[in-house]
Amino acid sequence: MPSYHVLVMSDGTGETAYRMLKAAMAQFQEDVVITRYANIREREQIREILRAAAAASSEDTLVVYTFVGPDLRSFLKGRADDEKIQSVDLLGPLMDSLAGFFKKPPVAKPGLLHRVDEEYFNRIDSIEYALRHDDGRSIKDIGSADLVLVGVSRVSKTPVSIYLAQEGWKVANVTTVLGMKPPKELFEIDPHKVVGLIIDPSRLMEVRTERLRQLGVNDSSYADLERVKEELEHTASIFAEHPLWPVIDVTGKSIEEIAQDILDKVIGRGRKL
């Protein structure tokens, strides 16, 4: 089998190109070596990287790049063609389309997406907030959250909270427990902040079974289908008592899809980026 090599090149951190590449690679069953080159600002840097790649094996090499300036984009494309290396411009076509849409050129300043500024520190604060308020912790000040996720154990509350926190949202989550009432503080906050999460019982049983396997724990009740159904029914009764809480079914959805659904329900589709 061929050994594939993907070079990620950027005039910034390369994080955008890397994440897009990983998302696309999830659809293929191939072993790929990924090498990231960040802060590329000179033509000579591009020339040396491509020369070395061509010497190694241009046939099984792909260059994926994000440059905000047209000069480096054009130069890389030309050099890659000369070295007979395939290349993909992830940012250029979008930048050109946006320039036409807004009727003005981009500022072409590298690193703006990942700059250290107030927005960056807000995201860090939000992540710390989500960790402090995970699974009902720090319940006394839960009213300070932007969003509060409620649901049974293993319904994706924590990963969704962290994902939303990375976008700057302060998210708390509370686990519903069979035979117990949720903390009273949950019912004292703005109900429009609270989102209930539900899931198909069979799917939840599978998730819990896998979790127990990973932990090496033998607890038949935690993943028992009848027990799972009872927990979900108990949770559904709580949601029914609070009709202002939007409820989202997470069955078969990725963390990103769940987060999108939550923001669509609570904030609306017309929100700004």
Protein backbone atom coordinates (compact mmCIF):
# COMPACT_ATOMS: atom_id res chain seq x y z
CA MET A 1 0.00 0.00 0.00
CA PRO A 2 1.25 3.53 -0.74
CA SER A 3 2.40 5.76 2.09
CA TYR A 4 0.48 9.02 1.83
CA HIS A 5 1.89 12.31 3.06
CA VAL A 6 -0.12 15.52 3.44
CA LEU A 7 1.63 18.82 4.00
CA VAL A 8 -0.43 21.47 5.76
CA MET A 9 0.93 24.95 5.06
CA SER A 10 -0.30 28.27 6.41
CA ASP A 11 0.75 31.85 7.05
CA GLY A 12 -0.94 31.48 10.45
CA THR A 13 -1.14 28.56 12.87
CA GLY A 14 -2.38 26.06 10.29
CA GLU A 15 -5.18 25.06 12.66
CA THR A 16 -7.94 25.88 10.17
CA ALA A 17 -6.41 23.76 7.42
CA TYR A 18 -5.60 20.95 9.85
CA ARG A 19 -9.16 20.76 11.19
CA MET A 20 -10.68 20.83 7.71
CA LEU A 21 -8.30 18.10 6.60
CA LYS A 22 -9.13 15.92 9.60
CA ALA A 23 -12.85 16.38 8.96
CA ALA A 24 -12.45 15.27 5.35
CA MET A 25 -10.07 12.41 6.23
CA ALA A 26 -12.70 10.92 8.54
CA GLN A 27 -14.46 9.77 5.36
CA PHE A 28 -11.49 7.70 4.18
CA GLN A 29 -9.85 4.59 5.57
CA GLU A 30 -6.24 5.51 4.85
CA ASP A 31 -3.12 5.92 6.95
CA VAL A 32 -1.75 9.38 6.29
CA VAL A 33 1.27 11.22 7.64
CA ILE A 34 0.40 14.87 8.23
CA THR A 35 3.12 17.49 8.57
CA ARG A 36 2.14 21.01 9.51
CA TYR A 37 4.14 24.10 8.52
CA ALA A 38 2.93 27.24 10.28
CA ASN A 39 3.80 30.94 9.94
CA ILE A 40 4.96 30.64 6.34
CA ARG A 41 5.56 34.23 5.22
CA GLU A 42 8.31 33.97 2.56
CA ARG A 43 8.46 32.41 -0.88
CA GLU A 44 11.75 30.75 -0.07
CA GLN A 45 10.11 28.79 2.75
CA ILE A 46 7.56 27.41 0.31
CA ARG A 47 10.21 26.63 -2.26
CA GLU A 48 12.34 24.65 0.20
CA ILE A 49 9.42 22.67 1.63
CA LEU A 50 8.12 21.67 -1.80
CA ARG A 51 11.58 20.85 -3.09
CA ALA A 52 12.13 18.45 -0.19
CA ALA A 53 8.67 16.94 -0.64
CA ALA A 54 9.25 16.34 -4.34
CA ALA A 55 12.60 14.70 -3.63
CA ALA A 56 10.92 12.32 -1.18
CA SER A 57 7.93 11.34 -3.32
CA SER A 58 5.74 13.83 -5.13
CA GLU A 59 3.32 11.16 -6.36
CA ASP A 60 1.96 10.33 -2.88
CA THR A 61 2.16 13.88 -1.49
CA LEU A 62 -0.65 16.40 -1.21
CA VAL A 63 -0.30 20.01 -0.10
CA VAL A 64 -3.23 21.61 1.69
CA TYR A 65 -2.82 25.31 2.36
CA THR A 66 -4.44 28.42 3.80
CA PHE A 67 -2.83 31.73 2.90
CA VAL A 68 -4.77 34.97 3.31
CA GLY A 69 -2.63 36.83 0.76
CA PRO A 70 -3.00 36.14 -2.99
CA ASP A 71 0.75 36.39 -3.60
CA LEU A 72 1.71 33.35 -1.53
CA ARG A 73 -1.34 31.43 -2.73
CA SER A 74 -0.38 31.97 -6.33
CA PHE A 75 3.30 31.22 -5.72
CA LEU A 76 2.57 27.96 -3.90
CA LYS A 77 0.22 26.79 -6.63
CA GLY A 78 2.82 27.48 -9.29
CA ARG A 79 5.65 25.78 -7.41
CA ALA A 80 3.50 22.75 -6.58
CA ASP A 81 2.61 22.38 -10.26
CA ASP A 82 6.29 22.66 -11.21
CA GLU A 83 7.19 19.92 -8.72
CA LYS A 84 4.21 17.81 -9.89
CA ILE A 85 2.69 17.85 -6.41
CA GLN A 86 -1.08 18.01 -5.98
CA SER A 87 -2.28 21.02 -3.99
CA VAL A 88 -5.56 22.24 -2.53
CA ASP A 89 -6.26 25.89 -1.70
CA LEU A 90 -8.77 25.79 1.16
CA LEU A 91 -9.08 29.51 1.78
CA GLY A 92 -8.50 31.30 -1.52
CA PRO A 93 -11.78 30.52 -3.33
CA LEU A 94 -13.80 31.46 -0.25
CA MET A 95 -11.84 34.70 0.21
CA ASP A 96 -12.42 35.61 -3.44
CA SER A 97 -16.14 34.89 -3.14
CA LEU A 98 -16.42 36.96 0.04
CA ALA A 99 -14.52 39.82 -1.59
CA GLY A 100 -17.10 39.83 -4.38
CA PHE A 101 -19.97 39.50 -1.93
CA PHE A 102 -18.81 42.37 0.31
CA LYS A 103 -17.48 44.36 -2.66
CA LYS A 104 -14.14 45.01 -0.98
CA PRO A 105 -10.81 43.17 -0.64
CA PRO A 106 -9.84 41.29 2.52
CA VAL A 107 -7.31 42.85 4.89
CA ALA A 108 -5.01 39.87 4.14
CA LYS A 109 -3.50 39.87 7.62
CA PRO A 110 -2.41 36.40 8.82
CA GLY A 111 -3.41 35.06 12.22
CA LEU A 112 -6.56 37.12 12.82
CA LEU A 113 -8.67 34.04 13.59
CA HIS A 114 -6.37 32.84 16.36
CA ARG A 115 -5.14 36.16 17.72
CA VAL A 116 -4.84 36.52 21.49
CA ASP A 117 -7.45 39.10 22.38
CA GLU A 118 -10.46 39.63 24.60
CA GLU A 119 -12.45 37.06 22.61
CA TYR A 120 -9.71 34.48 23.19
CA PHE A 121 -9.71 35.02 26.94
CA ASN A 122 -13.52 34.89 26.97
CA ARG A 123 -13.32 31.43 25.43
CA ILE A 124 -10.82 30.32 28.06
CA ASP A 125 -13.10 31.65 30.81
CA SER A 126 -16.04 29.80 29.26
CA ILE A 127 -14.15 26.51 29.18
CA GLU A 128 -13.16 26.91 32.81
CA TYR A 129 -16.79 27.75 33.61
CA ALA A 130 -18.03 24.59 31.89
CA LEU A 131 -15.58 22.46 33.85
CA ARG A 132 -16.57 24.08 37.15
CA HIS A 133 -20.25 23.58 36.42
CA ASP A 134 -20.09 20.06 35.01
CA ASP A 135 -22.64 17.54 36.32
CA GLY A 136 -24.32 19.91 38.76
CA ARG A 137 -21.15 21.27 40.39
CA SER A 138 -21.17 24.89 41.59
CA ILE A 139 -24.95 24.77 41.44
CA LYS A 140 -25.36 27.87 43.61
CA ASP A 141 -24.36 30.26 40.81
CA ILE A 142 -25.86 28.32 37.91
CA GLY A 143 -27.92 31.39 37.07
CA SER A 144 -24.79 33.01 35.64
CA ALA A 145 -24.71 30.44 32.81
CA ASP A 146 -25.69 31.34 29.25
CA LEU A 147 -27.04 27.81 28.79
CA VAL A 148 -27.88 24.93 31.11
CA LEU A 149 -28.10 21.41 29.67
CA VAL A 150 -30.23 18.84 31.49
CA GLY A 151 -30.48 15.11 30.92
CA VAL A 152 -29.56 11.61 32.06
CA SER A 153 -26.02 10.32 32.38
CA ARG A 154 -24.14 9.76 29.06
CA VAL A 155 -26.51 11.87 26.96
CA SER A 156 -23.56 14.02 25.75
CA LYS A 157 -24.02 16.93 28.16
CA THR A 158 -20.33 17.35 29.01
CA PRO A 159 -18.82 17.17 25.50
CA VAL A 160 -21.49 19.51 24.16
CA SER A 161 -20.84 21.92 27.05
CA ILE A 162 -17.12 21.98 26.26
CA TYR A 163 -17.75 22.40 22.55
CA LEU A 164 -20.06 25.36 23.15
CA ALA A 165 -17.57 26.78 25.65
CA GLN A 166 -14.96 26.87 22.90
CA GLU A 167 -17.31 29.21 21.05
CA GLY A 168 -17.51 31.49 24.10
CA TRP A 169 -20.74 30.25 25.71
CA LYS A 170 -20.84 29.73 29.45
CA VAL A 171 -22.55 26.36 29.81
CA ALA A 172 -23.52 24.38 32.91
CA ASN A 173 -25.06 20.93 32.91
CA VAL A 174 -27.19 19.00 35.38
CA THR A 175 -27.76 15.25 35.45
CA THR A 176 -31.21 13.89 36.19
CA VAL A 177 -31.25 10.92 38.56
CA LEU A 178 -34.05 8.40 38.88
CA GLY A 179 -36.03 8.92 42.08
CA MET A 180 -34.47 12.30 42.80
CA LYS A 181 -35.60 15.85 42.09
CA PRO A 182 -33.15 18.16 40.33
CA PRO A 183 -31.63 20.91 42.51
CA LYS A 184 -34.05 23.74 43.23
CA GLU A 185 -31.62 26.26 41.74
CA LEU A 186 -32.37 24.83 38.30
CA PHE A 187 -35.98 26.00 38.56
CA GLU A 188 -35.06 29.48 39.77
CA ILE A 189 -33.19 30.61 36.65
CA ASP A 190 -34.51 31.96 33.36
CA PRO A 191 -36.25 28.94 31.76
CA HIS A 192 -35.19 30.05 28.30
CA LYS A 193 -31.60 29.20 29.24
CA VAL A 194 -32.40 25.58 30.02
CA VAL A 195 -32.26 22.87 27.33
CA GLY A 196 -33.36 19.29 27.86
CA LEU A 197 -31.53 16.49 26.06
CA ILE A 198 -33.19 13.16 25.27
CA ILE A 199 -32.00 10.04 23.44
CA ASP A 200 -33.32 6.72 22.18
CA PRO A 201 -33.18 4.15 25.02
CA SER A 202 -31.44 1.47 22.94
CA ARG A 203 -28.78 3.91 21.82
CA LEU A 204 -28.19 5.09 25.39
CA MET A 205 -27.86 1.48 26.52
CA GLU A 206 -25.16 0.96 23.85
CA VAL A 207 -23.30 4.10 24.93
CA ARG A 208 -23.35 3.10 28.58
CA THR A 209 -22.32 -0.49 27.81
CA GLU A 210 -19.31 0.77 25.88
CA ARG A 211 -18.41 3.18 28.67
CA LEU A 212 -18.47 0.37 31.23
CA ARG A 213 -16.31 -1.75 28.94
CA GLN A 214 -13.74 1.05 28.66
CA LEU A 215 -13.65 1.45 32.43
CA GLY A 216 -13.50 -2.29 33.03
CA VAL A 217 -16.51 -2.03 35.33
CA ASN A 218 -19.24 -4.63 35.63
CA ASP A 219 -22.47 -2.80 36.54
CA SER A 220 -25.42 -4.45 34.86
CA SER A 221 -27.96 -1.94 36.22
CA TYR A 222 -26.29 1.14 34.65
CA ALA A 223 -26.73 -0.19 31.10
CA ASP A 224 -29.87 -2.25 31.67
CA LEU A 225 -32.47 -1.34 29.05
CA GLU A 226 -35.41 -1.28 31.45
CA ARG A 227 -33.47 0.91 33.88
CA VAL A 228 -32.51 3.22 31.04
CA LYS A 229 -36.14 3.54 29.98
CA GLU A 230 -37.17 4.40 33.54
CA GLU A 231 -34.51 7.11 33.75
CA LEU A 232 -35.61 8.62 30.45
CA GLU A 233 -39.27 8.53 31.47
CA HIS A 234 -38.39 10.22 34.76
CA THR A 235 -36.48 12.90 32.85
CA ALA A 236 -39.31 13.34 30.34
CA SER A 237 -41.72 13.98 33.22
CA ILE A 238 -39.45 16.75 34.50
CA PHE A 239 -39.31 18.32 31.04
CA ALA A 240 -43.09 18.11 30.74
CA GLU A 241 -43.45 20.16 33.91
CA HIS A 242 -41.35 22.93 32.32
CA PRO A 243 -42.72 23.53 28.81
CA LEU A 244 -40.53 26.59 28.27
CA TRP A 245 -37.45 24.36 28.21
CA PRO A 246 -36.68 23.37 24.60
CA VAL A 247 -35.97 19.65 24.27
CA ILE A 248 -33.54 18.19 21.74
CA ASP A 249 -33.23 14.55 20.69
CA VAL A 250 -29.50 13.78 20.39
CA THR A 251 -29.90 10.27 18.95
CA GLY A 252 -27.45 9.67 16.11
CA LYS A 253 -26.15 13.24 16.14
CA SER A 254 -22.58 14.45 16.42
CA ILE A 255 -21.51 16.87 19.13
CA GLU A 256 -21.39 19.65 16.53
CA GLU A 257 -24.92 18.91 15.36
CA ILE A 258 -26.28 18.89 18.91
CA ALA A 259 -24.57 22.20 19.66
CA GLN A 260 -26.00 23.70 16.47
CA ASP A 261 -29.50 22.51 17.39
CA ILE A 262 -29.18 24.03 20.85
CA LEU A 263 -28.14 27.43 19.53
CA ASP A 264 -30.86 27.33 16.86
CA LYS A 265 -33.48 26.64 19.54
CA VAL A 266 -32.27 29.11 22.15
CA ILE A 267 -30.65 31.90 20.17
CA GLY A 268 -32.16 31.48 16.72
CA ARG A 269 -30.82 30.83 13.25
CA GLY A 270 -30.29 34.53 12.56
CA ARG A 271 -27.56 34.93 15.16
CA LYS A 272 -24.29 36.63 14.24
CA LEU A 273 -21.02 34.71 14.00
